[in-house]
Amino acid sequence: MTRRPDMTSDTQTAQPRPSALTILIRNPLAGVFVALVAIFAISALISPYFLTGYNMSVIARGLAFVGLVTIAQSSLMILGELDLSLGTIGGLCGVICGMLMVQAGLPAGVALILALLMGTALGFVNGFLVTRLGLHSLVLTIGTAGIYGGAILVLTKGVAITGIPESIQFLGRGDVLGVPVPFMIMIAVLAIALFLTLKTPMGRYMYAIGNNAAAARMLGIRVDRIRLLVFSFAGMLSALAGLLMVARLGTAQPSIGQAWVLAPIAASVIGGVATTGGVGSPLGAIFGAGIIAIIENIIVLFGVSPYWQGVVSGAIVVLAISFDALSRRYLRREGA
């Protein structure tokens, strides 16, 4: 006698299909991309000036600078760290580069390389203090941000350094086939960051450390070495952003980098990078930075005071972190 298949047991073991909301939350990259497209479309509808070539160039060029710092910050957040001094690192390296070119008379290429090395060194210092002294990165970098910001004022006396050679201004002001050069540099850096985080052992180690640093150590991962490398990488990218801004302005302003504190964190969280580490990607963070850039651009197009940009950026940070916490609570409840 042939036994009929036990359909009851199959039904009991079948898992319920996740809801659309759960799928969207579990794939934040898809969610933030949909949000970016929606905000772009709405902006094009409400402003006739939004889709003009000039305005697209403005958005792309502005996104490039904060985008580089966002890639740096998102890489640290994947690791479970935060660096609030990245903006001042960019500003200080920009000022140092200007002084080397204008006051010391060094060739522009040499000054750029030295400033990038300095940014890498400052990031290394932050990582060294975190790993060797066991300091919390958030608390530590509040202090180092004050040190680096104070050094900018000491060196410049609050006055911009003028006379930046025209030979490097193309890096900040130039276009290739209508695409701003800083934006092209950011895309190249993003490709490198994605390759490192998604296709190399170091990237896998970063996610492992962000999820559980103690377990990563037990598996033989050199946690402190990875932290030092990522902090140094973040410092170099921040310095690059500062140098490109100097090339864009044609002067080394003491205020460079002041706006690169909240926006990269907000962009990373909007893009699905967890504040607790181990989740997200630099690509999602750039999508988040694009959302912020479009919102700020619309504020300008509608003639709203630029002082409101700080209010908007702060509100976006609060909303992004709140959504991150609520989504994780929702996923824990769904998994229970």
C-alpha atoms as a PDB file:
ATOM      1  CA  MET A   1       0.000   0.000   0.000  1.00  0.00           C
ATOM      2  CA  THR A   2       1.487   3.310  -1.061  1.00  0.00           C
ATOM      3  CA  ARG A   3       1.617   5.947   1.662  1.00  0.00           C
ATOM      4  CA  ARG A   4       0.328   9.376   0.749  1.00  0.00           C
ATOM      5  CA  PRO A   5       2.700  12.282   1.375  1.00  0.00           C
ATOM      6  CA  ASP A   6       2.159  13.983   4.687  1.00  0.00           C
ATOM      7  CA  MET A   7       0.973  17.383   3.525  1.00  0.00           C
ATOM      8  CA  THR A   8       0.286  18.501   7.085  1.00  0.00           C
ATOM      9  CA  SER A   9       3.927  18.389   8.141  1.00  0.00           C
ATOM     10  CA  ASP A  10       4.966  20.368   5.042  1.00  0.00           C
ATOM     11  CA  THR A  11       2.386  22.989   5.828  1.00  0.00           C
ATOM     12  CA  GLN A  12       3.483  23.237   9.435  1.00  0.00           C
ATOM     13  CA  THR A  13       7.147  23.680   8.530  1.00  0.00           C
ATOM     14  CA  ALA A  14       6.492  26.230   5.784  1.00  0.00           C
ATOM     15  CA  GLN A  15       7.695  29.692   6.734  1.00  0.00           C
ATOM     16  CA  PRO A  16       5.350  32.646   6.264  1.00  0.00           C
ATOM     17  CA  ARG A  17       6.319  35.007   3.482  1.00  0.00           C
ATOM     18  CA  PRO A  18       7.764  38.267   4.789  1.00  0.00           C
ATOM     19  CA  SER A  19       5.702  41.392   4.312  1.00  0.00           C
ATOM     20  CA  ALA A  20       6.644  44.072   1.801  1.00  0.00           C
ATOM     21  CA  LEU A  21       7.654  46.365   4.687  1.00  0.00           C
ATOM     22  CA  THR A  22       9.962  43.686   6.098  1.00  0.00           C
ATOM     23  CA  ILE A  23      11.586  43.137   2.696  1.00  0.00           C
ATOM     24  CA  LEU A  24      12.128  46.888   2.288  1.00  0.00           C
ATOM     25  CA  ILE A  25      13.646  47.264   5.763  1.00  0.00           C
ATOM     26  CA  ARG A  26      15.874  44.226   5.295  1.00  0.00           C
ATOM     27  CA  ASN A  27      17.154  45.661   2.022  1.00  0.00           C
ATOM     28  CA  PRO A  28      17.829  49.296   2.902  1.00  0.00           C
ATOM     29  CA  LEU A  29      19.806  49.809  -0.313  1.00  0.00           C
ATOM     30  CA  ALA A  30      16.639  49.248  -2.344  1.00  0.00           C
ATOM     31  CA  GLY A  31      14.634  51.437   0.011  1.00  0.00           C
ATOM     32  CA  VAL A  32      17.020  54.381  -0.089  1.00  0.00           C
ATOM     33  CA  PHE A  33      17.319  54.126  -3.882  1.00  0.00           C
ATOM     34  CA  VAL A  34      13.526  54.287  -4.227  1.00  0.00           C
ATOM     35  CA  ALA A  35      13.494  57.283  -1.864  1.00  0.00           C
ATOM     36  CA  LEU A  36      16.236  58.997  -3.869  1.00  0.00           C
ATOM     37  CA  VAL A  37      14.366  58.514  -7.151  1.00  0.00           C
ATOM     38  CA  ALA A  38      11.107  59.714  -5.579  1.00  0.00           C
ATOM     39  CA  ILE A  39      12.678  62.870  -4.121  1.00  0.00           C
ATOM     40  CA  PHE A  40      14.419  63.549  -7.433  1.00  0.00           C
ATOM     41  CA  ALA A  41      11.129  63.215  -9.339  1.00  0.00           C
ATOM     42  CA  ILE A  42       9.207  65.393  -6.884  1.00  0.00           C
ATOM     43  CA  SER A  43      11.896  68.065  -7.012  1.00  0.00           C
ATOM     44  CA  ALA A  44      11.750  68.079 -10.815  1.00  0.00           C
ATOM     45  CA  LEU A  45       7.983  68.573 -10.668  1.00  0.00           C
ATOM     46  CA  ILE A  46       7.902  71.387  -8.126  1.00  0.00           C
ATOM     47  CA  SER A  47      10.773  73.471  -9.571  1.00  0.00           C
ATOM     48  CA  PRO A  48      11.309  74.269 -13.268  1.00  0.00           C
ATOM     49  CA  TYR A  49      14.967  75.049 -12.555  1.00  0.00           C
ATOM     50  CA  PHE A  50      15.812  71.714 -10.945  1.00  0.00           C
ATOM     51  CA  LEU A  51      16.576  69.701 -14.102  1.00  0.00           C
ATOM     52  CA  THR A  52      18.676  72.383 -15.778  1.00  0.00           C
ATOM     53  CA  GLY A  53      22.222  71.407 -16.673  1.00  0.00           C
ATOM     54  CA  TYR A  54      23.657  74.102 -14.426  1.00  0.00           C
ATOM     55  CA  ASN A  55      21.667  72.943 -11.390  1.00  0.00           C
ATOM     56  CA  MET A  56      22.572  69.284 -11.961  1.00  0.00           C
ATOM     57  CA  SER A  57      26.220  70.334 -12.071  1.00  0.00           C
ATOM     58  CA  VAL A  58      25.810  72.281  -8.830  1.00  0.00           C
ATOM     59  CA  ILE A  59      24.278  69.268  -7.071  1.00  0.00           C
ATOM     60  CA  ALA A  60      26.912  66.858  -8.389  1.00  0.00           C
ATOM     61  CA  ARG A  61      29.814  69.127  -7.452  1.00  0.00           C
ATOM     62  CA  GLY A  62      28.451  69.790  -3.966  1.00  0.00           C
ATOM     63  CA  LEU A  63      27.754  66.095  -3.437  1.00  0.00           C
ATOM     64  CA  ALA A  64      31.336  65.201  -4.321  1.00  0.00           C
ATOM     65  CA  PHE A  65      32.919  66.923  -1.324  1.00  0.00           C
ATOM     66  CA  VAL A  66      30.539  65.687   1.359  1.00  0.00           C
ATOM     67  CA  GLY A  67      30.349  62.356  -0.489  1.00  0.00           C
ATOM     68  CA  LEU A  68      34.030  61.645   0.060  1.00  0.00           C
ATOM     69  CA  VAL A  69      33.640  62.236   3.802  1.00  0.00           C
ATOM     70  CA  THR A  70      30.467  60.134   3.758  1.00  0.00           C
ATOM     71  CA  ILE A  71      32.383  57.200   2.252  1.00  0.00           C
ATOM     72  CA  ALA A  72      34.955  57.624   5.013  1.00  0.00           C
ATOM     73  CA  GLN A  73      32.367  57.843   7.785  1.00  0.00           C
ATOM     74  CA  SER A  74      30.294  54.917   6.489  1.00  0.00           C
ATOM     75  CA  SER A  75      33.400  52.722   6.394  1.00  0.00           C
ATOM     76  CA  LEU A  76      34.039  53.517  10.040  1.00  0.00           C
ATOM     77  CA  MET A  77      30.390  52.938  10.959  1.00  0.00           C
ATOM     78  CA  ILE A  78      30.480  49.483   9.352  1.00  0.00           C
ATOM     79  CA  LEU A  79      33.382  48.837  11.698  1.00  0.00           C
ATOM     80  CA  GLY A  80      31.287  50.038  14.638  1.00  0.00           C
ATOM     81  CA  GLU A  81      33.166  53.327  15.042  1.00  0.00           C
ATOM     82  CA  LEU A  82      32.487  57.039  14.533  1.00  0.00           C
ATOM     83  CA  ASP A  83      34.898  59.877  13.805  1.00  0.00           C
ATOM     84  CA  LEU A  84      33.593  63.382  14.445  1.00  0.00           C
ATOM     85  CA  SER A  85      36.935  64.931  13.499  1.00  0.00           C
ATOM     86  CA  LEU A  86      36.801  64.058   9.792  1.00  0.00           C
ATOM     87  CA  GLY A  87      35.574  67.529   8.853  1.00  0.00           C
ATOM     88  CA  THR A  88      38.363  69.273  10.735  1.00  0.00           C
ATOM     89  CA  ILE A  89      40.912  66.845   9.279  1.00  0.00           C
ATOM     90  CA  GLY A  90      39.760  67.920   5.820  1.00  0.00           C
ATOM     91  CA  GLY A  91      39.897  71.590   6.772  1.00  0.00           C
ATOM     92  CA  LEU A  92      43.329  71.348   8.401  1.00  0.00           C
ATOM     93  CA  CYS A  93      44.836  69.443   5.482  1.00  0.00           C
ATOM     94  CA  GLY A  94      43.377  71.992   3.062  1.00  0.00           C
ATOM     95  CA  VAL A  95      44.958  74.833   5.032  1.00  0.00           C
ATOM     96  CA  ILE A  96      48.304  73.021   5.259  1.00  0.00           C
ATOM     97  CA  CYS A  97      48.245  72.381   1.517  1.00  0.00           C
ATOM     98  CA  GLY A  98      47.554  76.055   0.851  1.00  0.00           C
ATOM     99  CA  MET A  99      50.406  77.126   3.120  1.00  0.00           C
ATOM    100  CA  LEU A 100      52.818  74.684   1.464  1.00  0.00           C
ATOM    101  CA  MET A 101      51.978  76.003  -1.986  1.00  0.00           C
ATOM    102  CA  VAL A 102      51.682  79.714  -1.238  1.00  0.00           C
ATOM    103  CA  GLN A 103      54.038  80.351   1.681  1.00  0.00           C
ATOM    104  CA  ALA A 104      56.569  77.541   1.331  1.00  0.00           C
ATOM    105  CA  GLY A 105      56.577  77.656  -2.468  1.00  0.00           C
ATOM    106  CA  LEU A 106      56.364  73.892  -2.952  1.00  0.00           C
ATOM    107  CA  PRO A 107      55.087  72.533  -6.283  1.00  0.00           C
ATOM    108  CA  ALA A 108      51.352  71.892  -6.236  1.00  0.00           C
ATOM    109  CA  GLY A 109      51.728  68.142  -6.755  1.00  0.00           C
ATOM    110  CA  VAL A 110      54.152  67.789  -3.841  1.00  0.00           C
ATOM    111  CA  ALA A 111      51.900  69.860  -1.570  1.00  0.00           C
ATOM    112  CA  LEU A 112      48.882  67.733  -2.458  1.00  0.00           C
ATOM    113  CA  ILE A 113      50.721  64.489  -1.705  1.00  0.00           C
ATOM    114  CA  LEU A 114      52.049  65.810   1.617  1.00  0.00           C
ATOM    115  CA  ALA A 115      48.573  66.987   2.636  1.00  0.00           C
ATOM    116  CA  LEU A 116      47.079  63.570   1.786  1.00  0.00           C
ATOM    117  CA  LEU A 117      49.791  61.903   3.861  1.00  0.00           C
ATOM    118  CA  MET A 118      49.006  64.261   6.710  1.00  0.00           C
ATOM    119  CA  GLY A 119      45.323  63.351   6.558  1.00  0.00           C
ATOM    120  CA  THR A 120      46.260  59.678   6.634  1.00  0.00           C
ATOM    121  CA  ALA A 121      48.497  60.323   9.652  1.00  0.00           C
ATOM    122  CA  LEU A 122      45.778  62.215  11.545  1.00  0.00           C
ATOM    123  CA  GLY A 123      43.333  59.383  10.904  1.00  0.00           C
ATOM    124  CA  PHE A 124      45.993  56.941  12.103  1.00  0.00           C
ATOM    125  CA  VAL A 125      46.411  58.949  15.312  1.00  0.00           C
ATOM    126  CA  ASN A 126      42.678  58.677  15.994  1.00  0.00           C
ATOM    127  CA  GLY A 127      42.771  54.940  15.333  1.00  0.00           C
ATOM    128  CA  PHE A 128      45.880  54.475  17.475  1.00  0.00           C
ATOM    129  CA  LEU A 129      44.280  56.210  20.458  1.00  0.00           C
ATOM    130  CA  VAL A 130      41.125  54.137  20.052  1.00  0.00           C
ATOM    131  CA  THR A 131      42.930  50.800  19.794  1.00  0.00           C
ATOM    132  CA  ARG A 132      45.895  51.253  22.119  1.00  0.00           C
ATOM    133  CA  LEU A 133      44.203  53.221  24.897  1.00  0.00           C
ATOM    134  CA  GLY A 134      40.787  51.628  24.588  1.00  0.00           C
ATOM    135  CA  LEU A 135      39.069  54.988  24.187  1.00  0.00           C
ATOM    136  CA  HIS A 136      35.572  55.313  22.753  1.00  0.00           C
ATOM    137  CA  SER A 137      35.877  56.690  19.221  1.00  0.00           C
ATOM    138  CA  LEU A 138      32.903  59.051  19.559  1.00  0.00           C
ATOM    139  CA  VAL A 139      34.221  60.669  22.738  1.00  0.00           C
ATOM    140  CA  LEU A 140      37.829  60.693  21.542  1.00  0.00           C
ATOM    141  CA  THR A 141      37.122  62.354  18.209  1.00  0.00           C
ATOM    142  CA  ILE A 142      35.110  65.114  19.863  1.00  0.00           C
ATOM    143  CA  GLY A 143      38.404  66.036  21.503  1.00  0.00           C
ATOM    144  CA  THR A 144      40.578  65.607  18.413  1.00  0.00           C
ATOM    145  CA  ALA A 145      38.076  67.647  16.389  1.00  0.00           C
ATOM    146  CA  GLY A 146      38.682  70.495  18.829  1.00  0.00           C
ATOM    147  CA  ILE A 147      42.442  70.070  18.499  1.00  0.00           C
ATOM    148  CA  TYR A 148      42.441  70.019  14.706  1.00  0.00           C
ATOM    149  CA  GLY A 149      39.934  72.871  14.502  1.00  0.00           C
ATOM    150  CA  GLY A 150      42.009  74.939  16.905  1.00  0.00           C
ATOM    151  CA  ALA A 151      45.129  74.241  14.846  1.00  0.00           C
ATOM    152  CA  ILE A 152      43.358  75.687  11.787  1.00  0.00           C
ATOM    153  CA  LEU A 153      42.704  78.942  13.628  1.00  0.00           C
ATOM    154  CA  VAL A 154      46.240  79.080  15.030  1.00  0.00           C
ATOM    155  CA  LEU A 155      47.754  78.646  11.561  1.00  0.00           C
ATOM    156  CA  THR A 156      45.445  81.011   9.688  1.00  0.00           C
ATOM    157  CA  LYS A 157      44.490  83.521  12.423  1.00  0.00           C
ATOM    158  CA  GLY A 158      41.018  83.150  10.936  1.00  0.00           C
ATOM    159  CA  VAL A 159      42.118  84.592   7.571  1.00  0.00           C
ATOM    160  CA  ALA A 160      41.865  82.701   4.277  1.00  0.00           C
ATOM    161  CA  ILE A 161      45.065  81.788   2.434  1.00  0.00           C
ATOM    162  CA  THR A 162      44.913  83.246  -1.068  1.00  0.00           C
ATOM    163  CA  GLY A 163      47.079  82.794  -4.152  1.00  0.00           C
ATOM    164  CA  ILE A 164      46.311  79.099  -4.729  1.00  0.00           C
ATOM    165  CA  PRO A 165      47.939  78.103  -8.066  1.00  0.00           C
ATOM    166  CA  GLU A 166      45.572  77.902 -10.996  1.00  0.00           C
ATOM    167  CA  SER A 167      47.190  74.601 -11.985  1.00  0.00           C
ATOM    168  CA  ILE A 168      45.197  72.715  -9.330  1.00  0.00           C
ATOM    169  CA  GLN A 169      41.938  74.645  -9.578  1.00  0.00           C
ATOM    170  CA  PHE A 170      40.800  72.351 -12.375  1.00  0.00           C
ATOM    171  CA  LEU A 171      40.459  69.587  -9.760  1.00  0.00           C
ATOM    172  CA  GLY A 172      37.731  71.559  -8.034  1.00  0.00           C
ATOM    173  CA  ARG A 173      36.238  73.673 -10.822  1.00  0.00           C
ATOM    174  CA  GLY A 174      36.795  71.633 -13.957  1.00  0.00           C
ATOM    175  CA  ASP A 175      34.351  69.555 -16.005  1.00  0.00           C
ATOM    176  CA  VAL A 176      34.899  66.614 -18.343  1.00  0.00           C
ATOM    177  CA  LEU A 177      32.095  66.139 -20.868  1.00  0.00           C
ATOM    178  CA  GLY A 178      29.851  68.199 -18.621  1.00  0.00           C
ATOM    179  CA  VAL A 179      30.577  66.109 -15.511  1.00  0.00           C
ATOM    180  CA  PRO A 180      32.327  67.930 -12.624  1.00  0.00           C
ATOM    181  CA  VAL A 181      35.811  66.597 -11.937  1.00  0.00           C
ATOM    182  CA  PRO A 182      35.241  66.316  -8.137  1.00  0.00           C
ATOM    183  CA  PHE A 183      32.183  64.150  -8.808  1.00  0.00           C
ATOM    184  CA  MET A 184      34.226  61.865 -11.056  1.00  0.00           C
ATOM    185  CA  ILE A 185      36.878  61.558  -8.345  1.00  0.00           C
ATOM    186  CA  MET A 186      34.183  60.678  -5.790  1.00  0.00           C
ATOM    187  CA  ILE A 187      32.791  57.962  -8.078  1.00  0.00           C
ATOM    188  CA  ALA A 188      36.277  56.483  -8.501  1.00  0.00           C
ATOM    189  CA  VAL A 189      36.817  56.482  -4.730  1.00  0.00           C
ATOM    190  CA  LEU A 190      33.371  54.922  -4.223  1.00  0.00           C
ATOM    191  CA  ALA A 191      34.267  52.100  -6.620  1.00  0.00           C
ATOM    192  CA  ILE A 192      37.478  51.442  -4.677  1.00  0.00           C
ATOM    193  CA  ALA A 193      35.613  51.502  -1.338  1.00  0.00           C
ATOM    194  CA  LEU A 194      32.968  49.088  -2.635  1.00  0.00           C
ATOM    195  CA  PHE A 195      35.630  46.720  -3.908  1.00  0.00           C
ATOM    196  CA  LEU A 196      37.462  46.793  -0.568  1.00  0.00           C
ATOM    197  CA  THR A 197      34.341  46.275   1.552  1.00  0.00           C
ATOM    198  CA  LEU A 198      32.531  43.719  -0.620  1.00  0.00           C
ATOM    199  CA  LYS A 199      35.244  41.801  -2.490  1.00  0.00           C
ATOM    200  CA  THR A 200      38.242  41.522  -0.167  1.00  0.00           C
ATOM    201  CA  PRO A 201      39.002  39.696   3.103  1.00  0.00           C
ATOM    202  CA  MET A 202      39.500  43.073   4.774  1.00  0.00           C
ATOM    203  CA  GLY A 203      35.913  44.006   3.967  1.00  0.00           C
ATOM    204  CA  ARG A 204      34.615  40.765   5.454  1.00  0.00           C
ATOM    205  CA  TYR A 205      36.705  41.425   8.540  1.00  0.00           C
ATOM    206  CA  MET A 206      35.202  44.914   8.857  1.00  0.00           C
ATOM    207  CA  TYR A 207      31.663  43.512   8.931  1.00  0.00           C
ATOM    208  CA  ALA A 208      32.702  40.798  11.378  1.00  0.00           C
ATOM    209  CA  ILE A 209      34.265  43.353  13.718  1.00  0.00           C
ATOM    210  CA  GLY A 210      31.225  45.596  13.461  1.00  0.00           C
ATOM    211  CA  ASN A 211      28.937  42.711  14.371  1.00  0.00           C
ATOM    212  CA  ASN A 212      31.014  41.394  17.267  1.00  0.00           C
ATOM    213  CA  ALA A 213      34.597  42.520  17.858  1.00  0.00           C
ATOM    214  CA  ALA A 214      35.221  39.955  20.627  1.00  0.00           C
ATOM    215  CA  ALA A 215      34.091  37.076  18.419  1.00  0.00           C
ATOM    216  CA  ALA A 216      36.229  38.440  15.572  1.00  0.00           C
ATOM    217  CA  ARG A 217      39.288  38.315  17.835  1.00  0.00           C
ATOM    218  CA  MET A 218      38.509  34.725  18.769  1.00  0.00           C
ATOM    219  CA  LEU A 219      38.434  33.870  15.049  1.00  0.00           C
ATOM    220  CA  GLY A 220      41.959  35.245  14.688  1.00  0.00           C
ATOM    221  CA  ILE A 221      41.066  38.542  13.005  1.00  0.00           C
ATOM    222  CA  ARG A 222      43.521  41.314  13.827  1.00  0.00           C
ATOM    223  CA  VAL A 223      40.895  43.750  15.004  1.00  0.00           C
ATOM    224  CA  ASP A 224      43.230  46.572  15.996  1.00  0.00           C
ATOM    225  CA  ARG A 225      45.111  46.435  12.683  1.00  0.00           C
ATOM    226  CA  ILE A 226      41.853  46.671  10.708  1.00  0.00           C
ATOM    227  CA  ARG A 227      40.728  49.607  12.837  1.00  0.00           C
ATOM    228  CA  LEU A 228      44.008  51.430  12.230  1.00  0.00           C
ATOM    229  CA  LEU A 229      43.728  50.867   8.483  1.00  0.00           C
ATOM    230  CA  VAL A 230      40.138  52.099   8.263  1.00  0.00           C
ATOM    231  CA  PHE A 231      40.774  55.171  10.429  1.00  0.00           C
ATOM    232  CA  SER A 232      43.798  56.009   8.253  1.00  0.00           C
ATOM    233  CA  PHE A 233      41.759  55.499   5.078  1.00  0.00           C
ATOM    234  CA  ALA A 234      39.046  57.781   6.451  1.00  0.00           C
ATOM    235  CA  GLY A 235      41.589  60.468   7.271  1.00  0.00           C
ATOM    236  CA  MET A 236      43.010  60.321   3.754  1.00  0.00           C
ATOM    237  CA  LEU A 237      39.550  60.668   2.154  1.00  0.00           C
ATOM    238  CA  SER A 238      38.752  63.633   4.392  1.00  0.00           C
ATOM    239  CA  ALA A 239      42.016  65.277   3.378  1.00  0.00           C
ATOM    240  CA  LEU A 240      41.149  64.659  -0.279  1.00  0.00           C
ATOM    241  CA  ALA A 241      37.791  66.376   0.220  1.00  0.00           C
ATOM    242  CA  GLY A 242      39.545  69.342   1.823  1.00  0.00           C
ATOM    243  CA  LEU A 243      42.055  69.616  -1.007  1.00  0.00           C
ATOM    244  CA  LEU A 244      39.342  69.510  -3.654  1.00  0.00           C
ATOM    245  CA  MET A 245      37.457  72.242  -1.809  1.00  0.00           C
ATOM    246  CA  VAL A 246      40.588  74.410  -1.766  1.00  0.00           C
ATOM    247  CA  ALA A 247      40.882  73.863  -5.526  1.00  0.00           C
ATOM    248  CA  ARG A 248      37.186  74.719  -5.912  1.00  0.00           C
ATOM    249  CA  LEU A 249      37.362  77.973  -3.930  1.00  0.00           C
ATOM    250  CA  GLY A 250      40.817  79.041  -5.068  1.00  0.00           C
ATOM    251  CA  THR A 251      41.568  79.849  -1.408  1.00  0.00           C
ATOM    252  CA  ALA A 252      42.217  77.827   1.741  1.00  0.00           C
ATOM    253  CA  GLN A 253      39.348  78.942   3.956  1.00  0.00           C
ATOM    254  CA  PRO A 254      39.479  78.259   7.725  1.00  0.00           C
ATOM    255  CA  SER A 255      35.810  77.227   7.535  1.00  0.00           C
ATOM    256  CA  ILE A 256      36.407  74.263   5.198  1.00  0.00           C
ATOM    257  CA  GLY A 257      35.004  71.076   6.707  1.00  0.00           C
ATOM    258  CA  GLN A 258      32.656  72.655   9.224  1.00  0.00           C
ATOM    259  CA  ALA A 259      29.627  71.255   7.376  1.00  0.00           C
ATOM    260  CA  TRP A 260      31.101  67.733   7.156  1.00  0.00           C
ATOM    261  CA  VAL A 261      30.106  66.544  10.615  1.00  0.00           C
ATOM    262  CA  LEU A 262      26.378  65.784  10.744  1.00  0.00           C
ATOM    263  CA  ALA A 263      25.670  65.286   7.032  1.00  0.00           C
ATOM    264  CA  PRO A 264      27.930  62.222   6.521  1.00  0.00           C
ATOM    265  CA  ILE A 265      26.450  60.521   9.588  1.00  0.00           C
ATOM    266  CA  ALA A 266      22.888  61.264   8.482  1.00  0.00           C
ATOM    267  CA  ALA A 267      23.629  60.132   4.925  1.00  0.00           C
ATOM    268  CA  SER A 268      25.136  56.868   6.149  1.00  0.00           C
ATOM    269  CA  VAL A 269      22.167  56.059   8.396  1.00  0.00           C
ATOM    270  CA  ILE A 270      19.676  56.995   5.663  1.00  0.00           C
ATOM    271  CA  GLY A 271      21.611  54.672   3.352  1.00  0.00           C
ATOM    272  CA  GLY A 272      21.215  51.721   5.703  1.00  0.00           C
ATOM    273  CA  VAL A 273      24.534  51.795   7.567  1.00  0.00           C
ATOM    274  CA  ALA A 274      23.803  50.740  11.139  1.00  0.00           C
ATOM    275  CA  THR A 275      24.977  52.988  13.938  1.00  0.00           C
ATOM    276  CA  THR A 276      25.945  49.830  15.840  1.00  0.00           C
ATOM    277  CA  GLY A 277      28.138  48.475  13.029  1.00  0.00           C
ATOM    278  CA  GLY A 278      28.228  45.431  10.787  1.00  0.00           C
ATOM    279  CA  VAL A 279      25.476  46.511   8.372  1.00  0.00           C
ATOM    280  CA  GLY A 280      25.345  48.694   5.251  1.00  0.00           C
ATOM    281  CA  SER A 281      27.608  49.771   2.420  1.00  0.00           C
ATOM    282  CA  PRO A 282      29.265  52.975   1.145  1.00  0.00           C
ATOM    283  CA  LEU A 283      26.947  52.905  -1.891  1.00  0.00           C
ATOM    284  CA  GLY A 284      23.868  53.219   0.301  1.00  0.00           C
ATOM    285  CA  ALA A 285      25.571  56.039   2.188  1.00  0.00           C
ATOM    286  CA  ILE A 286      26.151  57.916  -1.083  1.00  0.00           C
ATOM    287  CA  PHE A 287      22.473  57.455  -1.969  1.00  0.00           C
ATOM    288  CA  GLY A 288      21.668  58.994   1.409  1.00  0.00           C
ATOM    289  CA  ALA A 289      24.042  61.878   0.715  1.00  0.00           C
ATOM    290  CA  GLY A 290      22.268  62.406  -2.607  1.00  0.00           C
ATOM    291  CA  ILE A 291      18.923  62.711  -0.827  1.00  0.00           C
ATOM    292  CA  ILE A 292      20.315  65.359   1.517  1.00  0.00           C
ATOM    293  CA  ALA A 293      21.970  67.224  -1.378  1.00  0.00           C
ATOM    294  CA  ILE A 294      18.695  67.373  -3.324  1.00  0.00           C
ATOM    295  CA  ILE A 295      16.735  68.573  -0.294  1.00  0.00           C
ATOM    296  CA  GLU A 296      19.276  71.316   0.387  1.00  0.00           C
ATOM    297  CA  ASN A 297      19.233  72.290  -3.290  1.00  0.00           C
ATOM    298  CA  ILE A 298      15.447  72.629  -3.285  1.00  0.00           C
ATOM    299  CA  ILE A 299      15.702  74.885  -0.240  1.00  0.00           C
ATOM    300  CA  VAL A 300      18.005  77.176  -2.208  1.00  0.00           C
ATOM    301  CA  LEU A 301      15.841  77.093  -5.349  1.00  0.00           C
ATOM    302  CA  PHE A 302      12.803  78.192  -3.359  1.00  0.00           C
ATOM    303  CA  GLY A 303      14.714  81.095  -1.872  1.00  0.00           C
ATOM    304  CA  VAL A 304      14.665  79.801   1.688  1.00  0.00           C
ATOM    305  CA  SER A 305      17.437  81.205   3.878  1.00  0.00           C
ATOM    306  CA  PRO A 306      20.568  79.023   3.731  1.00  0.00           C
ATOM    307  CA  TYR A 307      20.662  79.176   7.519  1.00  0.00           C
ATOM    308  CA  TRP A 308      17.820  76.676   7.465  1.00  0.00           C
ATOM    309  CA  GLN A 309      20.149  74.097   5.956  1.00  0.00           C
ATOM    310  CA  GLY A 310      21.598  73.425   9.392  1.00  0.00           C
ATOM    311  CA  VAL A 311      18.110  72.913  10.791  1.00  0.00           C
ATOM    312  CA  VAL A 312      17.277  70.528   7.948  1.00  0.00           C
ATOM    313  CA  SER A 313      20.518  68.571   8.365  1.00  0.00           C
ATOM    314  CA  GLY A 314      19.947  68.211  12.096  1.00  0.00           C
ATOM    315  CA  ALA A 315      16.351  67.113  11.572  1.00  0.00           C
ATOM    316  CA  ILE A 316      17.455  64.541   9.012  1.00  0.00           C
ATOM    317  CA  VAL A 317      19.989  63.132  11.501  1.00  0.00           C
ATOM    318  CA  VAL A 318      17.304  62.760  14.180  1.00  0.00           C
ATOM    319  CA  LEU A 319      14.824  61.179  11.760  1.00  0.00           C
ATOM    320  CA  ALA A 320      17.418  58.842  10.263  1.00  0.00           C
ATOM    321  CA  ILE A 321      18.679  57.572  13.619  1.00  0.00           C
ATOM    322  CA  SER A 322      15.101  57.212  14.889  1.00  0.00           C
ATOM    323  CA  PHE A 323      14.115  55.215  11.801  1.00  0.00           C
ATOM    324  CA  ASP A 324      17.219  53.045  12.201  1.00  0.00           C
ATOM    325  CA  ALA A 325      16.270  52.221  15.796  1.00  0.00           C
ATOM    326  CA  LEU A 326      12.598  51.596  14.949  1.00  0.00           C
ATOM    327  CA  SER A 327      13.413  49.367  11.965  1.00  0.00           C
ATOM    328  CA  ARG A 328      15.727  47.201  14.061  1.00  0.00           C
ATOM    329  CA  ARG A 329      13.085  46.907  16.749  1.00  0.00           C
ATOM    330  CA  TYR A 330      10.574  45.890  14.072  1.00  0.00           C
ATOM    331  CA  LEU A 331      12.920  43.240  12.658  1.00  0.00           C
ATOM    332  CA  ARG A 332      13.589  41.807  16.121  1.00  0.00           C
ATOM    333  CA  ARG A 333       9.846  41.537  16.707  1.00  0.00           C
ATOM    334  CA  GLU A 334       9.353  39.894  13.287  1.00  0.00           C
ATOM    335  CA  GLY A 335      12.084  37.394  14.036  1.00  0.00           C
ATOM    336  CA  ALA A 336      10.720  36.537  17.475  1.00  0.00           C
END
